[in-house]
Amino acid sequence: MADLIALAREQAGRCSPPVRAAARMRIARVEMVDDRLMALFTFQRGLEEARDLSGHDGEYMLDQARLLAAAVAPDLIQDIPPPRHGNRHLWPERLGRVMLDHGHGDAALDYVIHYRDAATFPYAVVSALMDWYGDQERRLALLRRSFALWCKSPAGGFLALFERNWTLLPTEEAAEFVREIVRITLERPDQPTNAGYGDEGTVAFTSSRENTLFHMLSVLRHVDAPLAESLIFRHPQLAAAARRYPHGMESMRQEAEARGNSQPAEGGGFCMMGSTRDFPYLTALLQASRDGDFATAMEYALERYHEDTEPEDPNQVPREFWPSTCSFRGILYHAGIRLGEDAAVYIDQIPDPDLRLFAAIELAAALAGLPELQGAQMEQHRRPRSWTRRK
């Protein structure tokens, strides 16, 4: 790993500014494992170079810098402009997840506690932090902060978070919380939904209001039984669900545990996100991670590389974001996990020196035991439908 990173540092210094900036910020992530001061120095150099880029290149590179800062130095995120591109609802959760994946639990806690935008509040990060910390004081602070943001913008994953963790609160405070949730739910316009629970959807909701009340049923049974009965009486779908699961989600979990399952049956499975044309590559990568033969995945990546470098219509975004870059990175990361240092044989099959550099850094990350950190994938061509973007 040390040799790979040393060579990567040397090569990055000879690259064009966009490649150098991207490479240095990713090198810093690997350096964090053994030398935090060196990592911070390397990251700041890359960040300054990213700031010097103009136009869309600079904007997209700074978006990526926020993600890498979450892995290397979360306190620097506030100094990087907020993202101008992509789904703004996805960024907060992703940043928090990256912090946790790289061991920055206190930074993630501070990030969530001081988060202001209720519409994009990262409830999934809060849920992960509730597992991260065992002490009641911090878990209570997270639950109370989540409730305050949900009251301003009643959406997202707060209801499941509250239903699972409400016992952390004093009983009267829990009662106040759930009564406020009910009040807000009843005052808001009802919306159609298609929610089902239990085996083969034995409980179904077409009313989002009644679905929300069902999620709160177990808490209501414990802290305000008369209100629970009143709601059941006035809402037929909730009443039908309560006959099958008297304590709502709590009853479902109890049945699942009795059957030997840790979770109630609410669906699930394996999925792959992205364009359908990426599925053969992703399938090949999954198979290679099992059997150690990455040749087929490399063929797909090389095909994408030829598209990115097509003489008549090349991909005009920075190489950091090319689909082929992302593919080569993924291959070298997973090959490193599966094959260790022997995975380096695949670096030599990458025809472009910049893309070899990016892939080598990702191999070093795998050898260092770091989590995979996927980036944005973009294309810009002169032909119709020029911009596509995938995560």
Protein backbone atom coordinates (compact mmCIF):
# COMPACT_ATOMS: atom_id res chain seq x y z
CA MET A 1 0.00 0.00 0.00
CA ALA A 2 2.77 2.45 0.95
CA ASP A 3 4.55 1.93 -2.38
CA LEU A 4 1.32 2.44 -4.33
CA ILE A 5 0.60 5.71 -2.57
CA ALA A 6 4.18 6.94 -2.94
CA LEU A 7 4.03 6.30 -6.68
CA ALA A 8 0.57 7.91 -6.83
CA ARG A 9 1.85 11.08 -5.15
CA GLU A 10 4.72 11.29 -7.64
CA GLN A 11 2.50 10.72 -10.66
CA ALA A 12 -0.18 13.15 -9.46
CA GLY A 13 2.39 15.93 -9.39
CA ARG A 14 2.91 15.53 -13.15
CA CYS A 15 -0.79 15.46 -14.11
CA SER A 16 -3.10 18.16 -15.44
CA PRO A 17 -4.78 20.34 -12.76
CA PRO A 18 -8.18 18.54 -12.74
CA VAL A 19 -6.55 15.11 -12.46
CA ARG A 20 -4.04 16.31 -9.88
CA ALA A 21 -6.73 17.87 -7.68
CA ALA A 22 -8.93 14.77 -7.77
CA ALA A 23 -6.01 12.39 -7.21
CA ARG A 24 -4.60 14.29 -4.25
CA MET A 25 -7.93 14.40 -2.43
CA ARG A 26 -8.34 10.65 -2.87
CA ILE A 27 -4.70 9.97 -1.91
CA ALA A 28 -5.39 11.87 1.32
CA ARG A 29 -8.14 9.38 2.20
CA VAL A 30 -5.61 6.55 2.14
CA GLU A 31 -2.98 8.56 4.00
CA MET A 32 -5.48 9.03 6.86
CA VAL A 33 -4.88 5.42 7.90
CA ASP A 34 -1.25 6.01 8.95
CA ASP A 35 -0.57 9.76 8.93
CA ARG A 36 -3.40 12.19 9.59
CA LEU A 37 -1.23 15.30 9.34
CA MET A 38 0.10 14.25 5.94
CA ALA A 39 -3.44 13.43 4.84
CA LEU A 40 -4.72 16.85 5.84
CA PHE A 41 -1.83 18.56 4.02
CA THR A 42 -2.43 16.51 0.86
CA PHE A 43 -6.18 17.09 0.96
CA GLN A 44 -5.84 20.84 1.36
CA ARG A 45 -3.47 20.98 -1.61
CA GLY A 46 -6.00 19.12 -3.73
CA LEU A 47 -8.83 21.30 -2.47
CA GLU A 48 -7.01 24.50 -3.36
CA GLU A 49 -6.31 23.14 -6.83
CA ALA A 50 -10.00 22.26 -7.20
CA ARG A 51 -10.94 25.82 -6.23
CA ASP A 52 -8.68 27.13 -8.99
CA LEU A 53 -10.62 25.26 -11.68
CA SER A 54 -13.18 27.30 -13.59
CA GLY A 55 -16.67 26.67 -14.93
CA HIS A 56 -18.48 23.35 -14.59
CA ASP A 57 -15.19 21.53 -14.02
CA GLY A 58 -14.59 23.48 -10.83
CA GLU A 59 -18.19 23.17 -9.63
CA TYR A 60 -18.29 19.41 -10.00
CA MET A 61 -14.84 19.00 -8.50
CA LEU A 62 -15.89 20.98 -5.41
CA ASP A 63 -19.00 18.82 -5.09
CA GLN A 64 -16.68 15.83 -5.01
CA ALA A 65 -14.40 17.65 -2.54
CA ARG A 66 -17.27 17.84 -0.02
CA LEU A 67 -17.65 14.07 -0.18
CA LEU A 68 -13.93 13.46 0.26
CA ALA A 69 -13.73 16.02 3.07
CA ALA A 70 -16.32 13.94 4.94
CA ALA A 71 -13.85 11.05 4.76
CA VAL A 72 -10.67 12.99 5.54
CA ALA A 73 -11.45 16.22 7.40
CA PRO A 74 -15.18 16.78 8.10
CA ASP A 75 -14.51 20.19 9.69
CA LEU A 76 -13.52 21.50 6.25
CA ILE A 77 -16.97 20.82 4.74
CA GLN A 78 -18.29 24.17 5.96
CA ASP A 79 -15.60 25.94 3.93
CA ILE A 80 -16.60 24.24 0.66
CA PRO A 81 -19.55 25.73 -1.29
CA PRO A 82 -22.77 23.67 -1.06
CA PRO A 83 -23.43 21.39 -4.04
CA ARG A 84 -25.06 23.02 -7.06
CA HIS A 85 -25.83 19.80 -8.88
CA GLY A 86 -27.61 16.52 -8.20
CA ASN A 87 -30.40 15.75 -5.75
CA ARG A 88 -29.95 18.01 -2.72
CA HIS A 89 -31.89 15.54 -0.55
CA LEU A 90 -29.25 12.86 -1.09
CA TRP A 91 -26.18 14.91 -0.18
CA PRO A 92 -26.75 15.29 3.61
CA GLU A 93 -27.28 11.58 4.15
CA ARG A 94 -24.32 10.67 1.99
CA LEU A 95 -21.98 13.05 3.79
CA GLY A 96 -23.03 11.71 7.18
CA ARG A 97 -22.65 8.12 6.04
CA VAL A 98 -19.15 8.79 4.70
CA MET A 99 -18.15 10.34 8.03
CA LEU A 100 -19.33 7.27 9.91
CA ASP A 101 -17.77 4.84 7.43
CA HIS A 102 -14.41 6.55 8.05
CA GLY A 103 -14.69 6.63 11.82
CA HIS A 104 -15.70 10.26 12.29
CA GLY A 105 -18.59 9.59 14.68
CA ASP A 106 -18.26 12.80 16.68
CA ALA A 107 -18.13 14.85 13.47
CA ALA A 108 -21.28 13.13 12.19
CA LEU A 109 -23.00 13.82 15.51
CA ASP A 110 -22.09 17.50 15.35
CA TYR A 111 -23.19 17.63 11.71
CA VAL A 112 -26.64 16.27 12.54
CA ILE A 113 -27.22 18.21 15.76
CA HIS A 114 -26.49 21.53 14.02
CA TYR A 115 -28.29 20.70 10.77
CA ARG A 116 -30.85 23.38 9.85
CA ASP A 117 -32.73 22.37 6.68
CA ALA A 118 -35.71 20.35 7.88
CA ALA A 119 -36.67 19.27 4.36
CA THR A 120 -33.36 17.44 3.83
CA PHE A 121 -32.61 16.28 7.38
CA PRO A 122 -30.66 12.97 7.22
CA TYR A 123 -32.76 10.67 9.41
CA ALA A 124 -30.86 7.59 8.20
CA VAL A 125 -27.64 9.08 9.60
CA VAL A 126 -29.39 9.66 12.92
CA SER A 127 -30.47 6.02 12.96
CA ALA A 128 -26.87 4.91 12.37
CA LEU A 129 -25.64 7.26 15.10
CA MET A 130 -28.17 5.81 17.54
CA ASP A 131 -26.39 2.48 17.05
CA TRP A 132 -22.95 4.13 17.07
CA TYR A 133 -23.39 5.67 20.54
CA GLY A 134 -24.42 3.68 23.55
CA ASP A 135 -24.83 6.53 26.03
CA GLN A 136 -28.36 7.78 26.61
CA GLU A 137 -27.49 11.49 26.67
CA ARG A 138 -26.32 11.66 23.07
CA ARG A 139 -29.04 9.33 21.82
CA LEU A 140 -31.68 11.49 23.50
CA ALA A 141 -30.19 14.61 21.92
CA LEU A 142 -30.41 12.96 18.50
CA LEU A 143 -34.02 11.89 19.00
CA ARG A 144 -35.10 15.33 20.22
CA ARG A 145 -33.31 17.09 17.38
CA SER A 146 -34.94 14.77 14.85
CA PHE A 147 -38.37 15.46 16.32
CA ALA A 148 -37.85 19.22 16.17
CA LEU A 149 -36.89 19.04 12.47
CA TRP A 150 -39.73 16.65 11.62
CA CYS A 151 -42.28 19.07 13.10
CA LYS A 152 -41.05 21.72 10.65
CA SER A 153 -41.16 19.38 7.67
CA PRO A 154 -43.14 16.17 8.38
CA ALA A 155 -41.45 13.75 6.00
CA GLY A 156 -38.53 11.37 5.86
CA GLY A 157 -37.64 8.55 8.18
CA PHE A 158 -38.45 10.05 11.58
CA LEU A 159 -41.52 7.93 12.32
CA ALA A 160 -39.67 4.60 12.21
CA LEU A 161 -36.81 6.15 14.20
CA PHE A 162 -39.20 7.38 16.88
CA GLU A 163 -41.22 4.17 17.03
CA ARG A 164 -38.05 2.17 17.71
CA ASN A 165 -36.44 4.57 20.19
CA TRP A 166 -39.25 6.35 22.03
CA THR A 167 -38.53 4.47 25.28
CA LEU A 168 -35.37 6.57 25.66
CA LEU A 169 -37.64 9.48 26.55
CA PRO A 170 -39.37 10.03 29.90
CA THR A 171 -42.91 8.68 29.58
CA GLU A 172 -44.63 12.07 29.65
CA GLU A 173 -42.25 13.51 27.07
CA ALA A 174 -42.86 10.51 24.81
CA ALA A 175 -46.60 11.10 25.20
CA GLU A 176 -46.18 14.76 24.22
CA PHE A 177 -44.17 13.74 21.16
CA VAL A 178 -46.67 11.20 19.89
CA ARG A 179 -49.66 13.48 20.50
CA GLU A 180 -47.95 16.18 18.46
CA ILE A 181 -47.24 13.67 15.70
CA VAL A 182 -50.91 12.69 15.67
CA ARG A 183 -52.03 16.33 15.66
CA ILE A 184 -49.79 17.25 12.73
CA THR A 185 -50.81 14.09 10.85
CA LEU A 186 -54.52 14.80 11.24
CA GLU A 187 -54.18 18.47 10.28
CA ARG A 188 -52.23 17.81 7.08
CA PRO A 189 -54.11 16.84 3.89
CA ASP A 190 -54.28 13.10 3.43
CA GLN A 191 -52.33 11.67 0.50
CA PRO A 192 -52.84 8.42 -1.42
CA THR A 193 -50.32 5.66 -0.79
CA ASN A 194 -49.88 1.96 -1.43
CA ALA A 195 -48.38 0.44 1.71
CA GLY A 196 -48.59 -3.20 2.74
CA TYR A 197 -47.36 -5.14 5.76
CA GLY A 198 -47.20 -8.72 6.83
CA ASP A 199 -47.14 -11.87 4.74
CA GLU A 200 -48.40 -11.12 1.23
CA GLY A 201 -49.60 -7.69 2.33
CA THR A 202 -52.23 -8.90 4.79
CA VAL A 203 -52.45 -5.31 6.06
CA ALA A 204 -52.80 -2.62 3.39
CA PHE A 205 -53.14 1.17 3.40
CA THR A 206 -54.24 3.54 0.66
CA SER A 207 -54.28 6.47 3.09
CA SER A 208 -50.91 7.93 4.08
CA ARG A 209 -52.57 9.41 7.18
CA GLU A 210 -53.77 6.06 8.44
CA ASN A 211 -50.44 4.48 7.56
CA THR A 212 -48.68 7.07 9.76
CA LEU A 213 -51.10 6.39 12.62
CA PHE A 214 -50.36 2.67 12.30
CA HIS A 215 -46.64 3.39 12.75
CA MET A 216 -47.50 5.28 15.95
CA LEU A 217 -49.94 2.67 17.28
CA SER A 218 -47.46 0.82 19.51
CA VAL A 219 -46.35 4.06 21.20
CA LEU A 220 -49.95 5.21 21.66
CA ARG A 221 -50.93 1.90 23.26
CA HIS A 222 -48.24 2.45 25.90
CA VAL A 223 -48.56 6.18 26.64
CA ASP A 224 -52.11 7.19 25.66
CA ALA A 225 -54.40 4.17 25.22
CA PRO A 226 -57.63 6.26 25.04
CA LEU A 227 -56.24 8.28 22.11
CA ALA A 228 -55.24 5.03 20.39
CA GLU A 229 -58.77 3.65 20.72
CA SER A 230 -60.29 6.92 19.50
CA LEU A 231 -58.13 6.90 16.38
CA ILE A 232 -58.90 3.24 15.67
CA PHE A 233 -62.64 3.96 15.98
CA ARG A 234 -62.44 6.83 13.45
CA HIS A 235 -60.13 5.27 10.87
CA PRO A 236 -61.27 2.02 9.19
CA GLN A 237 -57.92 1.05 7.63
CA LEU A 238 -56.16 1.56 10.97
CA ALA A 239 -58.88 -0.49 12.66
CA ALA A 240 -58.38 -3.40 10.24
CA ALA A 241 -54.62 -3.26 10.77
CA ALA A 242 -55.05 -3.12 14.57
CA ARG A 243 -57.14 -6.28 14.53
CA ARG A 244 -54.25 -8.11 12.86
CA TYR A 245 -51.41 -6.32 14.68
CA PRO A 246 -52.81 -4.87 17.95
CA HIS A 247 -49.59 -3.02 18.78
CA GLY A 248 -48.69 -2.06 15.22
CA MET A 249 -45.03 -2.44 14.29
CA GLU A 250 -44.23 -3.84 17.72
CA SER A 251 -46.61 -6.75 17.10
CA MET A 252 -45.03 -7.33 13.69
CA ARG A 253 -41.54 -7.51 15.19
CA GLN A 254 -42.70 -9.91 17.88
CA GLU A 255 -44.19 -12.24 15.28
CA ALA A 256 -41.04 -12.04 13.16
CA GLU A 257 -38.84 -12.88 16.17
CA ALA A 258 -41.10 -15.81 17.02
CA ARG A 259 -40.55 -17.13 13.49
CA GLY A 260 -36.81 -16.68 13.86
CA ASN A 261 -36.53 -13.51 11.77
CA SER A 262 -34.98 -10.34 13.13
CA GLN A 263 -37.17 -8.05 11.04
CA PRO A 264 -40.87 -8.01 10.14
CA ALA A 265 -41.71 -8.98 6.57
CA GLU A 266 -41.82 -5.65 4.76
CA GLY A 267 -40.15 -6.68 1.51
CA GLY A 268 -36.50 -6.68 0.59
CA GLY A 269 -33.98 -8.13 -1.82
CA PHE A 270 -30.92 -7.21 -3.80
CA CYS A 271 -30.90 -4.32 -6.23
CA MET A 272 -28.37 -2.48 -8.39
CA MET A 273 -28.73 1.23 -9.05
CA GLY A 274 -27.78 2.94 -12.28
CA SER A 275 -28.44 2.81 -16.00
CA THR A 276 -29.62 -0.55 -17.36
CA ARG A 277 -26.57 -0.59 -19.64
CA ASP A 278 -24.39 -0.78 -16.50
CA PHE A 279 -26.03 -3.97 -15.23
CA PRO A 280 -23.82 -6.41 -17.20
CA TYR A 281 -20.72 -4.70 -15.76
CA LEU A 282 -22.16 -4.70 -12.23
CA THR A 283 -23.12 -8.37 -12.55
CA ALA A 284 -19.63 -9.22 -13.79
CA LEU A 285 -18.09 -7.28 -10.91
CA LEU A 286 -20.26 -9.10 -8.40
CA GLN A 287 -19.27 -12.47 -9.86
CA ALA A 288 -15.58 -11.47 -9.93
CA SER A 289 -15.74 -10.50 -6.26
CA ARG A 290 -16.76 -14.10 -5.60
CA ASP A 291 -14.45 -16.04 -7.90
CA GLY A 292 -11.50 -13.63 -8.23
CA ASP A 293 -11.55 -13.40 -12.04
CA PHE A 294 -12.07 -9.76 -13.06
CA ALA A 295 -11.40 -10.25 -16.79
CA THR A 296 -15.03 -9.88 -17.87
CA ALA A 297 -15.53 -6.78 -15.74
CA MET A 298 -12.39 -5.30 -17.30
CA GLU A 299 -13.82 -5.90 -20.78
CA TYR A 300 -16.88 -3.83 -19.91
CA ALA A 301 -14.73 -1.09 -18.39
CA LEU A 302 -12.53 -0.97 -21.49
CA GLU A 303 -15.62 -0.65 -23.67
CA ARG A 304 -16.71 2.37 -21.63
CA TYR A 305 -13.20 3.79 -21.94
CA HIS A 306 -13.38 3.61 -25.74
CA GLU A 307 -16.68 5.50 -25.59
CA ASP A 308 -15.18 8.13 -23.29
CA THR A 309 -12.26 8.63 -25.68
CA GLU A 310 -14.12 8.31 -29.00
CA PRO A 311 -12.19 10.59 -31.39
CA GLU A 312 -15.27 12.10 -33.03
CA ASP A 313 -17.22 12.72 -29.82
CA PRO A 314 -15.17 12.29 -26.62
CA ASN A 315 -16.55 12.69 -23.12
CA GLN A 316 -15.85 16.32 -22.25
CA VAL A 317 -16.19 16.21 -18.45
CA PRO A 318 -13.09 15.87 -16.22
CA ARG A 319 -11.66 12.35 -16.25
CA GLU A 320 -12.44 12.03 -12.55
CA PHE A 321 -16.10 11.57 -13.54
CA TRP A 322 -15.83 9.38 -16.64
CA PRO A 323 -17.89 6.17 -16.46
CA SER A 324 -14.74 4.23 -17.36
CA THR A 325 -12.88 5.86 -14.44
CA CYS A 326 -15.61 4.75 -12.05
CA SER A 327 -15.56 1.24 -13.53
CA PHE A 328 -11.77 0.85 -13.27
CA ARG A 329 -11.87 2.16 -9.71
CA GLY A 330 -14.56 -0.33 -8.76
CA ILE A 331 -12.65 -3.22 -10.30
CA LEU A 332 -9.35 -2.40 -8.59
CA TYR A 333 -11.06 -1.83 -5.25
CA HIS A 334 -12.92 -5.15 -5.30
CA ALA A 335 -9.93 -6.97 -6.77
CA GLY A 336 -7.86 -5.60 -3.90
CA ILE A 337 -10.35 -6.94 -1.39
CA ARG A 338 -10.45 -10.34 -3.11
CA LEU A 339 -6.86 -10.77 -4.29
CA GLY A 340 -4.77 -8.43 -2.14
CA GLU A 341 -1.60 -7.09 -3.76
CA ASP A 342 -1.98 -9.53 -6.66
CA ALA A 343 -4.78 -7.28 -7.93
CA ALA A 344 -2.10 -4.89 -9.23
CA VAL A 345 -1.93 -6.98 -12.42
CA TYR A 346 -5.17 -5.30 -13.54
CA ILE A 347 -3.66 -1.80 -13.34
CA ASP A 348 -1.42 -2.60 -16.30
CA GLN A 349 -4.49 -3.38 -18.43
CA ILE A 350 -5.77 0.21 -18.17
CA PRO A 351 -4.59 2.07 -21.29
CA ASP A 352 -4.72 5.63 -19.90
CA PRO A 353 -2.11 6.84 -17.33
CA ASP A 354 -4.57 9.13 -15.53
CA LEU A 355 -7.12 6.36 -15.15
CA ARG A 356 -4.37 4.00 -14.01
CA LEU A 357 -3.53 6.54 -11.31
CA PHE A 358 -7.14 6.75 -10.11
CA ALA A 359 -7.46 2.95 -10.08
CA ALA A 360 -4.16 2.48 -8.20
CA ILE A 361 -5.33 4.86 -5.46
CA GLU A 362 -8.50 2.81 -5.08
CA LEU A 363 -6.48 -0.40 -4.87
CA ALA A 364 -4.43 1.21 -2.10
CA ALA A 365 -7.67 2.11 -0.31
CA ALA A 366 -8.80 -1.52 -0.44
CA LEU A 367 -5.43 -2.76 0.86
CA ALA A 368 -5.66 -0.21 3.68
CA GLY A 369 -9.02 -1.64 4.75
CA LEU A 370 -11.02 1.48 3.83
CA PRO A 371 -14.64 1.33 2.65
CA GLU A 372 -15.37 1.81 -1.02
CA LEU A 373 -16.10 5.45 -1.86
CA GLN A 374 -17.94 5.76 -5.14
CA GLY A 375 -18.10 9.10 -6.88
CA ALA A 376 -20.34 10.82 -9.40
CA GLN A 377 -20.40 9.44 -12.94
CA MET A 378 -21.02 11.86 -15.81
CA GLU A 379 -20.98 12.16 -19.56
CA GLN A 380 -21.05 15.17 -21.86
CA HIS A 381 -21.08 14.63 -25.61
CA ARG A 382 -22.05 16.80 -28.57
CA ARG A 383 -24.75 14.40 -29.66
CA PRO A 384 -28.40 14.69 -28.50
CA ARG A 385 -29.16 13.85 -24.85
CA SER A 386 -25.67 15.01 -23.98
CA TRP A 387 -25.89 15.04 -20.19
CA THR A 388 -26.47 11.93 -18.16
CA ARG A 389 -25.66 11.50 -14.51
CA ARG A 390 -25.64 8.43 -12.31
CA LYS A 391 -24.62 7.62 -8.77
